[in-house]
Amino acid sequence: MAEVLNQRIIAREGLDSSVPAALKLKKRIKRFALDNELDHLPIGAIVSVALDEWLTTRGF
């Protein structure tokens, strides 16, 4: 997964999704970036890694 995410030019596809506002994911991601002194967190990369790990643990 890291190899794929680190490629500069990579074919991508959109993944349209809505998340519950109660989870406050945008706020939490921004706070994580601030706490870890990161200028930018690529949301697409975070989602890709999370979904890949979730699917992999389920055998897909």
N, C-alpha and C. Protein backbone atom coordinates (compact mmCIF):
# COMPACT_ATOMS: atom_id res chain seq x y z
N MET A 1 0.82 -1.18 0.00
CA MET A 1 0.00 0.00 0.00
C MET A 1 0.87 1.25 0.00
N ALA A 2 1.92 1.27 0.80
CA ALA A 2 2.79 2.44 0.86
C ALA A 2 3.42 2.72 -0.50
N GLU A 3 3.78 1.67 -1.21
CA GLU A 3 4.38 1.84 -2.54
C GLU A 3 3.40 2.53 -3.48
N VAL A 4 2.16 2.13 -3.43
CA VAL A 4 1.13 2.73 -4.29
C VAL A 4 0.91 4.19 -3.91
N LEU A 5 0.80 4.47 -2.62
CA LEU A 5 0.53 5.84 -2.17
C LEU A 5 1.67 6.80 -2.45
N ASN A 6 2.89 6.29 -2.50
CA ASN A 6 4.06 7.15 -2.71
C ASN A 6 4.33 7.46 -4.17
N GLN A 7 3.60 6.86 -5.08
CA GLN A 7 3.79 7.14 -6.50
C GLN A 7 3.23 8.53 -6.82
N ARG A 8 3.99 9.29 -7.58
CA ARG A 8 3.53 10.63 -7.95
C ARG A 8 2.40 10.58 -8.97
N ILE A 9 2.57 9.74 -9.97
CA ILE A 9 1.55 9.62 -11.01
C ILE A 9 0.89 8.27 -10.83
N ILE A 10 -0.39 8.29 -10.53
CA ILE A 10 -1.12 7.07 -10.28
C ILE A 10 -2.55 7.23 -10.78
N ALA A 11 -3.06 6.20 -11.41
CA ALA A 11 -4.46 6.24 -11.85
C ALA A 11 -5.35 6.25 -10.62
N ARG A 12 -6.30 7.13 -10.61
CA ARG A 12 -7.21 7.23 -9.46
C ARG A 12 -8.65 7.15 -9.94
N GLU A 13 -9.52 6.74 -9.03
CA GLU A 13 -10.95 6.75 -9.31
C GLU A 13 -11.65 7.39 -8.12
N GLY A 14 -12.76 8.04 -8.41
CA GLY A 14 -13.51 8.71 -7.36
C GLY A 14 -14.28 7.71 -6.51
N LEU A 15 -14.40 8.02 -5.26
CA LEU A 15 -15.17 7.21 -4.33
C LEU A 15 -16.09 8.17 -3.60
N ASP A 16 -17.32 8.23 -4.06
CA ASP A 16 -18.28 9.18 -3.51
C ASP A 16 -18.88 8.62 -2.24
N SER A 17 -18.71 9.34 -1.16
CA SER A 17 -19.20 8.85 0.12
C SER A 17 -19.53 10.01 1.04
N SER A 18 -20.51 9.82 1.85
CA SER A 18 -20.86 10.78 2.89
C SER A 18 -20.65 10.08 4.23
N VAL A 19 -20.21 10.84 5.19
CA VAL A 19 -19.99 10.28 6.51
C VAL A 19 -20.84 11.03 7.52
N PRO A 20 -21.20 10.38 8.61
CA PRO A 20 -22.01 11.04 9.63
C PRO A 20 -21.28 12.26 10.22
N ALA A 21 -21.97 13.37 10.26
CA ALA A 21 -21.39 14.60 10.80
C ALA A 21 -21.00 14.42 12.27
N ALA A 22 -21.73 13.56 12.98
CA ALA A 22 -21.47 13.36 14.40
C ALA A 22 -20.06 12.81 14.67
N LEU A 23 -19.46 12.17 13.67
CA LEU A 23 -18.10 11.65 13.84
C LEU A 23 -17.04 12.76 13.82
N LYS A 24 -17.40 13.90 13.26
CA LYS A 24 -16.50 15.07 13.19
C LYS A 24 -15.13 14.70 12.59
N LEU A 25 -15.17 13.93 11.51
CA LEU A 25 -13.92 13.45 10.91
C LEU A 25 -13.04 14.57 10.37
N LYS A 26 -13.63 15.55 9.72
CA LYS A 26 -12.82 16.66 9.18
C LYS A 26 -12.09 17.39 10.30
N LYS A 27 -12.80 17.67 11.36
CA LYS A 27 -12.21 18.38 12.50
C LYS A 27 -11.09 17.55 13.14
N ARG A 28 -11.33 16.26 13.28
CA ARG A 28 -10.34 15.38 13.90
C ARG A 28 -9.10 15.23 13.04
N ILE A 29 -9.29 15.15 11.72
CA ILE A 29 -8.14 15.05 10.81
C ILE A 29 -7.32 16.33 10.86
N LYS A 30 -7.99 17.48 10.88
CA LYS A 30 -7.27 18.75 10.98
C LYS A 30 -6.50 18.83 12.29
N ARG A 31 -7.11 18.38 13.37
CA ARG A 31 -6.45 18.41 14.68
C ARG A 31 -5.24 17.48 14.68
N PHE A 32 -5.38 16.32 14.08
CA PHE A 32 -4.27 15.38 13.97
C PHE A 32 -3.10 16.02 13.23
N ALA A 33 -3.41 16.68 12.12
CA ALA A 33 -2.36 17.34 11.32
C ALA A 33 -1.65 18.41 12.15
N LEU A 34 -2.42 19.20 12.88
CA LEU A 34 -1.82 20.25 13.72
C LEU A 34 -0.96 19.64 14.83
N ASP A 35 -1.47 18.64 15.50
CA ASP A 35 -0.74 18.01 16.60
C ASP A 35 0.54 17.35 16.13
N ASN A 36 0.58 16.93 14.88
CA ASN A 36 1.76 16.25 14.33
C ASN A 36 2.57 17.14 13.40
N GLU A 37 2.29 18.43 13.44
CA GLU A 37 3.02 19.43 12.66
C GLU A 37 3.10 19.07 11.18
N LEU A 38 1.98 18.65 10.64
CA LEU A 38 1.89 18.31 9.22
C LEU A 38 1.20 19.45 8.49
N ASP A 39 1.76 19.85 7.36
CA ASP A 39 1.16 20.92 6.57
C ASP A 39 -0.11 20.45 5.87
N HIS A 40 -0.09 19.21 5.48
CA HIS A 40 -1.20 18.70 4.66
C HIS A 40 -1.35 17.21 4.89
N LEU A 41 -2.57 16.78 5.03
CA LEU A 41 -2.85 15.35 5.11
C LEU A 41 -3.70 14.98 3.90
N PRO A 42 -3.21 14.11 3.05
CA PRO A 42 -3.99 13.71 1.87
C PRO A 42 -5.14 12.80 2.28
N ILE A 43 -6.34 13.35 2.30
CA ILE A 43 -7.52 12.61 2.73
C ILE A 43 -7.69 11.33 1.90
N GLY A 44 -7.47 11.43 0.60
CA GLY A 44 -7.60 10.27 -0.26
C GLY A 44 -6.68 9.14 0.16
N ALA A 45 -5.46 9.47 0.58
CA ALA A 45 -4.51 8.46 1.02
C ALA A 45 -4.98 7.81 2.32
N ILE A 46 -5.50 8.61 3.23
CA ILE A 46 -6.00 8.09 4.51
C ILE A 46 -7.15 7.12 4.26
N VAL A 47 -8.08 7.53 3.42
CA VAL A 47 -9.23 6.69 3.10
C VAL A 47 -8.78 5.41 2.41
N SER A 48 -7.84 5.54 1.49
CA SER A 48 -7.34 4.37 0.76
C SER A 48 -6.72 3.34 1.70
N VAL A 49 -5.87 3.81 2.60
CA VAL A 49 -5.21 2.91 3.54
C VAL A 49 -6.23 2.27 4.48
N ALA A 50 -7.16 3.07 5.00
CA ALA A 50 -8.17 2.54 5.93
C ALA A 50 -9.04 1.48 5.26
N LEU A 51 -9.51 1.76 4.05
CA LEU A 51 -10.36 0.79 3.35
C LEU A 51 -9.58 -0.45 2.95
N ASP A 52 -8.35 -0.26 2.52
CA ASP A 52 -7.52 -1.41 2.14
C ASP A 52 -7.30 -2.32 3.34
N GLU A 53 -6.96 -1.75 4.49
CA GLU A 53 -6.74 -2.56 5.69
C GLU A 53 -8.03 -3.25 6.12
N TRP A 54 -9.13 -2.54 6.08
CA TRP A 54 -10.42 -3.10 6.48
C TRP A 54 -10.81 -4.28 5.58
N LEU A 55 -10.68 -4.11 4.27
CA LEU A 55 -11.00 -5.18 3.33
C LEU A 55 -10.03 -6.35 3.45
N THR A 56 -8.76 -6.05 3.61
CA THR A 56 -7.74 -7.10 3.72
C THR A 56 -7.99 -7.98 4.94
N THR A 57 -8.34 -7.37 6.07
CA THR A 57 -8.60 -8.18 7.27
C THR A 57 -9.81 -9.08 7.12
N ARG A 58 -10.67 -8.76 6.16
CA ARG A 58 -11.85 -9.56 5.90
C ARG A 58 -11.67 -10.52 4.73
N GLY A 59 -10.44 -10.59 4.23
CA GLY A 59 -10.12 -11.56 3.20
C GLY A 59 -10.44 -11.12 1.78
N PHE A 60 -10.60 -9.83 1.57
CA PHE A 60 -10.89 -9.33 0.20
C PHE A 60 -9.73 -8.54 -0.33
